[in-house]
Amino acid sequence: NEGDKLLTGGDNYSLLYYTFTYEFVGKSDLDNLIVCDHFLTPCVNYLDYTIDNNYFSYVLMPDKPWYSLTTDVDWNVQKNYGIALGNLKYTYEPLEDKTYLVRGVISVPSKAKNDLESDMSITFQILNSMDDSNYKYEGYTFIVR
């Protein structure tokens, strides 16, 4: 369609798309904007390399639209490509019965993508709870190959 933009990873880069779900298991209420601020950078692990830039993640919660979770992509670039989504304000509650869907993409070197013999994984750190200024995270690693 006219005006459509094709996302690319850039010269010698490819895009790695990811999707996962999570449930809040914290024992105290948490403001989602605090969770967003502390949703740490997705990290692709390949050989001895950590790839952790040029990414964006969105989250879909039950009965709400998609919203921006975390990114390091410039706001003007997001806006230009039509991927600039706002933030919703809500509270995670202990024992809530909700599943959140996260989708995103991160740019990885094509050399890493094409090296099918080497292992690759992606790691996410999600804020689980906070006590005063002490933040507690849950780490999750997914095998890409």
N, C-alpha and C. Protein backbone atom coordinates (compact mmCIF):
# COMPACT_ATOMS: atom_id res chain seq x y z
N ASN A 1 0.82 -1.18 0.00
CA ASN A 1 0.00 0.00 0.00
C ASN A 1 0.86 1.24 0.00
N GLU A 2 0.31 2.30 -0.58
CA GLU A 2 1.04 3.55 -0.60
C GLU A 2 1.27 4.04 0.82
N GLY A 3 2.47 4.45 1.10
CA GLY A 3 2.81 4.94 2.43
C GLY A 3 3.28 3.86 3.39
N ASP A 4 3.14 2.58 3.01
CA ASP A 4 3.64 1.52 3.88
C ASP A 4 5.15 1.61 3.99
N LYS A 5 5.66 1.29 5.14
CA LYS A 5 7.10 1.31 5.35
C LYS A 5 7.55 -0.10 5.70
N LEU A 6 8.68 -0.51 5.16
CA LEU A 6 9.23 -1.83 5.43
C LEU A 6 10.28 -1.71 6.53
N LEU A 7 10.08 -2.43 7.62
CA LEU A 7 11.08 -2.44 8.68
C LEU A 7 12.24 -3.31 8.25
N THR A 8 13.43 -2.82 8.44
CA THR A 8 14.63 -3.60 8.14
C THR A 8 15.58 -3.45 9.31
N GLY A 9 16.50 -4.37 9.41
CA GLY A 9 17.50 -4.30 10.48
C GLY A 9 18.64 -3.37 10.16
N GLY A 10 18.73 -2.90 8.92
CA GLY A 10 19.85 -2.07 8.50
C GLY A 10 20.84 -2.91 7.70
N ASP A 11 21.82 -2.26 7.12
CA ASP A 11 22.83 -2.97 6.33
C ASP A 11 23.51 -4.03 7.18
N ASN A 12 23.56 -5.24 6.66
CA ASN A 12 24.21 -6.38 7.30
C ASN A 12 23.56 -6.78 8.62
N TYR A 13 22.29 -6.42 8.80
CA TYR A 13 21.53 -6.80 9.99
C TYR A 13 20.21 -7.42 9.57
N SER A 14 19.68 -8.26 10.44
CA SER A 14 18.37 -8.88 10.23
C SER A 14 17.54 -8.64 11.48
N LEU A 15 16.23 -8.77 11.34
CA LEU A 15 15.35 -8.56 12.48
C LEU A 15 14.98 -9.90 13.11
N LEU A 16 15.10 -9.99 14.41
CA LEU A 16 14.67 -11.15 15.17
C LEU A 16 13.39 -10.74 15.90
N TYR A 17 12.28 -11.37 15.53
CA TYR A 17 11.00 -11.09 16.16
C TYR A 17 10.80 -12.03 17.34
N TYR A 18 10.18 -11.54 18.38
CA TYR A 18 9.90 -12.39 19.54
C TYR A 18 8.48 -12.14 20.04
N THR A 19 7.94 -13.18 20.62
CA THR A 19 6.61 -13.15 21.23
C THR A 19 6.65 -14.02 22.47
N PHE A 20 6.11 -13.53 23.57
CA PHE A 20 5.98 -14.34 24.77
C PHE A 20 4.84 -13.80 25.62
N THR A 21 4.37 -14.61 26.54
CA THR A 21 3.35 -14.17 27.48
C THR A 21 3.92 -14.22 28.89
N TYR A 22 3.34 -13.43 29.77
CA TYR A 22 3.73 -13.50 31.17
C TYR A 22 2.54 -13.17 32.05
N GLU A 23 2.64 -13.58 33.30
CA GLU A 23 1.66 -13.26 34.32
C GLU A 23 2.39 -12.59 35.47
N PHE A 24 1.75 -11.63 36.08
CA PHE A 24 2.34 -10.95 37.23
C PHE A 24 2.22 -11.86 38.44
N VAL A 25 3.35 -12.12 39.10
CA VAL A 25 3.34 -13.00 40.28
C VAL A 25 3.86 -12.27 41.52
N GLY A 26 3.95 -10.94 41.43
CA GLY A 26 4.43 -10.17 42.57
C GLY A 26 3.46 -10.21 43.74
N LYS A 27 3.95 -9.87 44.91
CA LYS A 27 3.13 -9.93 46.13
C LYS A 27 2.64 -8.56 46.57
N SER A 28 2.96 -7.52 45.79
CA SER A 28 2.46 -6.18 46.10
C SER A 28 2.07 -5.48 44.81
N ASP A 29 1.14 -4.52 44.91
CA ASP A 29 0.71 -3.77 43.74
C ASP A 29 1.91 -3.09 43.09
N LEU A 30 1.90 -3.04 41.77
CA LEU A 30 2.95 -2.32 41.03
C LEU A 30 2.30 -1.51 39.93
N ASP A 31 2.71 -0.28 39.82
CA ASP A 31 2.27 0.59 38.73
C ASP A 31 2.91 0.10 37.44
N ASN A 32 2.13 -0.06 36.38
CA ASN A 32 2.68 -0.59 35.14
C ASN A 32 3.76 0.30 34.55
N LEU A 33 3.70 1.61 34.78
CA LEU A 33 4.73 2.48 34.23
C LEU A 33 6.08 2.24 34.90
N ILE A 34 6.04 1.86 36.18
CA ILE A 34 7.29 1.47 36.86
C ILE A 34 7.81 0.18 36.23
N VAL A 35 6.90 -0.77 35.95
CA VAL A 35 7.31 -2.02 35.31
C VAL A 35 7.93 -1.72 33.95
N CYS A 36 7.30 -0.84 33.17
CA CYS A 36 7.84 -0.47 31.85
C CYS A 36 9.24 0.12 31.98
N ASP A 37 9.39 1.03 32.96
CA ASP A 37 10.70 1.66 33.16
C ASP A 37 11.76 0.64 33.55
N HIS A 38 11.33 -0.47 34.15
CA HIS A 38 12.28 -1.47 34.63
C HIS A 38 12.23 -2.78 33.85
N PHE A 39 11.54 -2.76 32.72
CA PHE A 39 11.59 -3.90 31.81
C PHE A 39 12.91 -3.76 31.08
N LEU A 40 13.85 -4.58 31.45
CA LEU A 40 15.20 -4.37 30.96
C LEU A 40 15.35 -4.78 29.49
N THR A 41 16.34 -4.24 28.88
CA THR A 41 16.63 -4.47 27.47
C THR A 41 16.65 -5.94 27.12
N PRO A 42 15.95 -6.34 26.04
CA PRO A 42 16.12 -7.71 25.58
C PRO A 42 17.56 -7.91 25.14
N CYS A 43 18.16 -9.02 25.50
CA CYS A 43 19.56 -9.29 25.15
C CYS A 43 19.66 -10.59 24.37
N VAL A 44 20.17 -10.49 23.16
CA VAL A 44 20.44 -11.68 22.35
C VAL A 44 21.85 -12.14 22.70
N ASN A 45 21.97 -13.42 23.01
CA ASN A 45 23.27 -14.00 23.36
C ASN A 45 23.71 -14.90 22.21
N TYR A 46 24.86 -14.57 21.62
CA TYR A 46 25.40 -15.31 20.49
C TYR A 46 26.90 -15.40 20.67
N LEU A 47 27.43 -16.62 20.74
CA LEU A 47 28.84 -16.85 21.04
C LEU A 47 29.20 -16.04 22.29
N ASP A 48 30.21 -15.20 22.23
CA ASP A 48 30.59 -14.37 23.37
C ASP A 48 30.03 -12.95 23.27
N TYR A 49 29.02 -12.78 22.43
CA TYR A 49 28.46 -11.46 22.17
C TYR A 49 27.11 -11.29 22.85
N THR A 50 26.85 -10.06 23.29
CA THR A 50 25.53 -9.67 23.78
C THR A 50 25.04 -8.56 22.87
N ILE A 51 23.90 -8.79 22.23
CA ILE A 51 23.32 -7.81 21.31
C ILE A 51 22.12 -7.22 22.03
N ASP A 52 22.17 -5.93 22.32
CA ASP A 52 21.13 -5.34 23.15
C ASP A 52 20.76 -3.92 22.73
N ASN A 53 20.74 -3.67 21.43
CA ASN A 53 20.29 -2.36 20.97
C ASN A 53 19.43 -2.50 19.72
N ASN A 54 18.80 -1.41 19.33
CA ASN A 54 17.88 -1.39 18.19
C ASN A 54 16.75 -2.39 18.38
N TYR A 55 15.93 -2.15 19.37
CA TYR A 55 14.82 -3.05 19.70
C TYR A 55 13.59 -2.23 20.08
N PHE A 56 12.45 -2.86 20.01
CA PHE A 56 11.24 -2.31 20.61
C PHE A 56 10.32 -3.46 20.99
N SER A 57 9.57 -3.26 22.07
CA SER A 57 8.63 -4.26 22.57
C SER A 57 7.29 -3.59 22.86
N TYR A 58 6.23 -4.32 22.56
CA TYR A 58 4.88 -3.86 22.85
C TYR A 58 4.19 -4.92 23.69
N VAL A 59 3.21 -4.49 24.47
CA VAL A 59 2.48 -5.43 25.31
C VAL A 59 0.98 -5.24 25.11
N LEU A 60 0.27 -6.35 25.14
CA LEU A 60 -1.19 -6.37 25.04
C LEU A 60 -1.71 -6.99 26.32
N MET A 61 -2.50 -6.23 27.04
CA MET A 61 -3.10 -6.79 28.25
C MET A 61 -4.57 -7.07 27.96
N PRO A 62 -5.20 -7.92 28.74
CA PRO A 62 -6.59 -8.26 28.48
C PRO A 62 -7.49 -7.02 28.42
N ASP A 63 -8.34 -6.95 27.41
CA ASP A 63 -9.33 -5.88 27.25
C ASP A 63 -8.73 -4.49 27.06
N LYS A 64 -7.49 -4.40 26.63
CA LYS A 64 -6.85 -3.10 26.38
C LYS A 64 -6.13 -3.18 25.04
N PRO A 65 -5.80 -2.02 24.45
CA PRO A 65 -5.05 -2.04 23.19
C PRO A 65 -3.56 -2.32 23.43
N TRP A 66 -2.82 -2.48 22.34
CA TRP A 66 -1.37 -2.60 22.43
C TRP A 66 -0.80 -1.29 22.95
N TYR A 67 0.26 -1.37 23.72
CA TYR A 67 0.95 -0.15 24.11
C TYR A 67 2.45 -0.42 24.15
N SER A 68 3.21 0.65 24.15
CA SER A 68 4.66 0.56 24.13
C SER A 68 5.17 0.08 25.48
N LEU A 69 6.04 -0.91 25.46
CA LEU A 69 6.62 -1.44 26.69
C LEU A 69 8.02 -0.88 26.89
N THR A 70 8.88 -1.05 25.90
CA THR A 70 10.24 -0.55 26.01
C THR A 70 10.88 -0.47 24.62
N THR A 71 11.78 0.47 24.44
CA THR A 71 12.46 0.62 23.16
C THR A 71 13.69 1.51 23.33
N ASP A 72 14.60 1.40 22.41
CA ASP A 72 15.68 2.38 22.33
C ASP A 72 15.66 3.04 20.95
N VAL A 73 14.56 2.86 20.21
CA VAL A 73 14.41 3.46 18.90
C VAL A 73 13.85 4.87 19.07
N ASP A 74 14.46 5.82 18.42
CA ASP A 74 14.08 7.22 18.51
C ASP A 74 12.58 7.42 18.23
N TRP A 75 11.93 8.28 19.01
CA TRP A 75 10.50 8.52 18.88
C TRP A 75 10.11 8.94 17.46
N ASN A 76 10.92 9.80 16.82
CA ASN A 76 10.61 10.25 15.45
C ASN A 76 10.64 9.09 14.46
N VAL A 77 11.55 8.15 14.66
CA VAL A 77 11.60 6.97 13.79
C VAL A 77 10.36 6.12 14.02
N GLN A 78 9.99 5.92 15.28
CA GLN A 78 8.77 5.17 15.58
C GLN A 78 7.56 5.81 14.93
N LYS A 79 7.46 7.12 15.06
CA LYS A 79 6.33 7.87 14.49
C LYS A 79 6.32 7.75 12.98
N ASN A 80 7.48 7.90 12.35
CA ASN A 80 7.61 7.83 10.90
C ASN A 80 7.16 6.48 10.36
N TYR A 81 7.45 5.41 11.11
CA TYR A 81 7.09 4.07 10.66
C TYR A 81 5.72 3.61 11.16
N GLY A 82 5.05 4.46 11.91
CA GLY A 82 3.72 4.12 12.39
C GLY A 82 3.72 3.10 13.51
N ILE A 83 4.82 3.02 14.25
CA ILE A 83 4.91 2.04 15.34
C ILE A 83 4.97 2.74 16.70
N ALA A 84 4.68 4.03 16.71
CA ALA A 84 4.71 4.79 17.97
C ALA A 84 3.38 4.59 18.69
N LEU A 85 3.41 3.83 19.75
CA LEU A 85 2.22 3.60 20.56
C LEU A 85 2.41 4.26 21.92
N GLY A 86 1.33 4.74 22.48
CA GLY A 86 1.41 5.39 23.78
C GLY A 86 1.50 4.39 24.92
N ASN A 87 1.44 4.91 26.12
CA ASN A 87 1.47 4.09 27.33
C ASN A 87 0.12 4.14 28.02
N LEU A 88 -0.33 3.04 28.54
CA LEU A 88 -1.52 2.99 29.36
C LEU A 88 -1.11 3.00 30.82
N LYS A 89 -1.97 3.51 31.68
CA LYS A 89 -1.67 3.49 33.11
C LYS A 89 -2.65 2.53 33.79
N TYR A 90 -2.11 1.56 34.49
CA TYR A 90 -2.91 0.62 35.25
C TYR A 90 -2.03 0.03 36.34
N THR A 91 -2.59 -0.80 37.19
CA THR A 91 -1.85 -1.39 38.31
C THR A 91 -1.86 -2.90 38.19
N TYR A 92 -0.67 -3.49 38.31
CA TYR A 92 -0.58 -4.95 38.47
C TYR A 92 -0.99 -5.25 39.90
N GLU A 93 -1.79 -6.29 40.10
CA GLU A 93 -2.24 -6.64 41.44
C GLU A 93 -1.87 -8.08 41.77
N PRO A 94 -1.52 -8.35 43.04
CA PRO A 94 -1.20 -9.73 43.42
C PRO A 94 -2.37 -10.66 43.11
N LEU A 95 -2.04 -11.85 42.68
CA LEU A 95 -3.01 -12.91 42.40
C LEU A 95 -4.01 -12.55 41.29
N GLU A 96 -3.68 -11.55 40.48
CA GLU A 96 -4.58 -11.22 39.37
C GLU A 96 -4.59 -12.38 38.37
N ASP A 97 -5.66 -12.50 37.67
CA ASP A 97 -5.83 -13.59 36.70
C ASP A 97 -5.75 -13.01 35.29
N LYS A 98 -4.57 -12.48 34.94
CA LYS A 98 -4.38 -11.85 33.63
C LYS A 98 -3.10 -12.39 33.00
N THR A 99 -3.15 -12.54 31.70
CA THR A 99 -1.97 -12.92 30.94
C THR A 99 -1.65 -11.78 29.98
N TYR A 100 -0.40 -11.37 29.96
CA TYR A 100 0.05 -10.27 29.12
C TYR A 100 0.84 -10.85 27.95
N LEU A 101 0.59 -10.32 26.76
CA LEU A 101 1.27 -10.77 25.55
C LEU A 101 2.27 -9.70 25.14
N VAL A 102 3.52 -10.10 24.95
CA VAL A 102 4.58 -9.18 24.52
C VAL A 102 5.03 -9.58 23.12
N ARG A 103 5.15 -8.61 22.25
CA ARG A 103 5.72 -8.82 20.92
C ARG A 103 6.75 -7.74 20.68
N GLY A 104 7.81 -8.11 20.00
CA GLY A 104 8.84 -7.13 19.72
C GLY A 104 9.81 -7.62 18.67
N VAL A 105 10.82 -6.82 18.47
CA VAL A 105 11.83 -7.11 17.46
C VAL A 105 13.15 -6.49 17.90
N ILE A 106 14.24 -7.16 17.56
CA ILE A 106 15.58 -6.63 17.83
C ILE A 106 16.44 -6.90 16.61
N SER A 107 17.31 -5.97 16.31
CA SER A 107 18.19 -6.07 15.15
C SER A 107 19.44 -6.87 15.54
N VAL A 108 19.74 -7.92 14.76
CA VAL A 108 20.94 -8.73 15.02
C VAL A 108 21.80 -8.77 13.76
N PRO A 109 23.10 -8.86 13.91
CA PRO A 109 23.97 -8.94 12.73
C PRO A 109 23.59 -10.15 11.87
N SER A 110 23.57 -9.96 10.57
CA SER A 110 23.23 -11.05 9.65
C SER A 110 24.19 -12.22 9.81
N LYS A 111 25.43 -11.93 10.16
CA LYS A 111 26.41 -12.99 10.37
C LYS A 111 25.93 -13.93 11.49
N ALA A 112 25.39 -13.37 12.55
CA ALA A 112 24.87 -14.19 13.65
C ALA A 112 23.63 -14.95 13.20
N LYS A 113 22.76 -14.31 12.45
CA LYS A 113 21.55 -14.97 11.96
C LYS A 113 21.89 -16.15 11.07
N ASN A 114 22.88 -15.97 10.20
CA ASN A 114 23.22 -16.99 9.20
C ASN A 114 24.08 -18.12 9.76
N ASP A 115 24.64 -17.95 10.93
CA ASP A 115 25.48 -18.97 11.55
C ASP A 115 24.58 -19.99 12.26
N LEU A 116 24.04 -20.92 11.51
CA LEU A 116 23.07 -21.88 12.05
C LEU A 116 23.70 -22.94 12.94
N GLU A 117 25.02 -23.00 12.97
CA GLU A 117 25.72 -23.99 13.80
C GLU A 117 25.88 -23.53 15.25
N SER A 118 25.79 -22.23 15.47
CA SER A 118 26.03 -21.70 16.82
C SER A 118 24.71 -21.43 17.54
N ASP A 119 24.75 -21.62 18.86
CA ASP A 119 23.57 -21.36 19.69
C ASP A 119 23.26 -19.87 19.74
N MET A 120 21.98 -19.59 19.89
CA MET A 120 21.55 -18.21 20.08
C MET A 120 20.35 -18.25 21.04
N SER A 121 20.31 -17.29 21.96
CA SER A 121 19.18 -17.19 22.89
C SER A 121 18.86 -15.71 23.09
N ILE A 122 17.71 -15.46 23.68
CA ILE A 122 17.33 -14.09 24.00
C ILE A 122 16.84 -14.08 25.44
N THR A 123 17.29 -13.09 26.20
CA THR A 123 16.98 -13.00 27.63
C THR A 123 16.21 -11.72 27.92
N PHE A 124 15.21 -11.84 28.79
CA PHE A 124 14.42 -10.70 29.25
C PHE A 124 14.44 -10.68 30.76
N GLN A 125 14.49 -9.51 31.34
CA GLN A 125 14.38 -9.32 32.78
C GLN A 125 13.11 -8.52 33.02
N ILE A 126 12.19 -9.07 33.82
CA ILE A 126 10.93 -8.40 34.09
C ILE A 126 10.86 -8.09 35.58
N LEU A 127 10.48 -6.85 35.90
CA LEU A 127 10.34 -6.45 37.29
C LEU A 127 9.23 -7.27 37.93
N ASN A 128 9.54 -7.92 39.05
CA ASN A 128 8.57 -8.76 39.75
C ASN A 128 7.98 -8.02 40.94
N SER A 129 8.81 -7.35 41.69
CA SER A 129 8.33 -6.63 42.87
C SER A 129 9.39 -5.61 43.28
N MET A 130 8.97 -4.71 44.17
CA MET A 130 9.92 -3.75 44.71
C MET A 130 9.61 -3.54 46.18
N ASP A 131 10.68 -3.37 46.92
CA ASP A 131 10.57 -3.14 48.35
C ASP A 131 11.43 -1.92 48.64
N ASP A 132 10.80 -0.80 48.97
CA ASP A 132 11.49 0.48 49.08
C ASP A 132 12.15 0.77 47.73
N SER A 133 13.45 0.85 47.70
CA SER A 133 14.15 1.11 46.44
C SER A 133 14.80 -0.14 45.88
N ASN A 134 14.50 -1.31 46.47
CA ASN A 134 15.09 -2.56 46.01
C ASN A 134 14.16 -3.20 44.98
N TYR A 135 14.64 -3.31 43.77
CA TYR A 135 13.86 -3.90 42.69
C TYR A 135 14.24 -5.37 42.55
N LYS A 136 13.23 -6.21 42.38
CA LYS A 136 13.46 -7.64 42.23
C LYS A 136 12.96 -8.06 40.85
N TYR A 137 13.83 -8.73 40.12
CA TYR A 137 13.54 -9.10 38.75
C TYR A 137 13.44 -10.61 38.59
N GLU A 138 12.68 -11.01 37.63
CA GLU A 138 12.65 -12.41 37.19
C GLU A 138 13.30 -12.43 35.82
N GLY A 139 14.27 -13.32 35.62
CA GLY A 139 14.94 -13.43 34.34
C GLY A 139 14.42 -14.62 33.55
N TYR A 140 14.25 -14.43 32.27
CA TYR A 140 13.76 -15.49 31.39
C TYR A 140 14.63 -15.55 30.14
N THR A 141 15.08 -16.74 29.84
CA THR A 141 15.90 -16.94 28.64
C THR A 141 15.18 -17.91 27.73
N PHE A 142 15.07 -17.53 26.46
CA PHE A 142 14.43 -18.35 25.45
C PHE A 142 15.48 -18.77 24.41
N ILE A 143 15.45 -20.03 24.06
CA ILE A 143 16.39 -20.54 23.05
C ILE A 143 15.87 -20.17 21.66
N VAL A 144 16.69 -19.49 20.89
CA VAL A 144 16.35 -19.16 19.51
C VAL A 144 16.70 -20.36 18.63
N ARG A 145 17.87 -20.91 18.88
CA ARG A 145 18.32 -22.13 18.18
C ARG A 145 19.47 -22.75 18.94
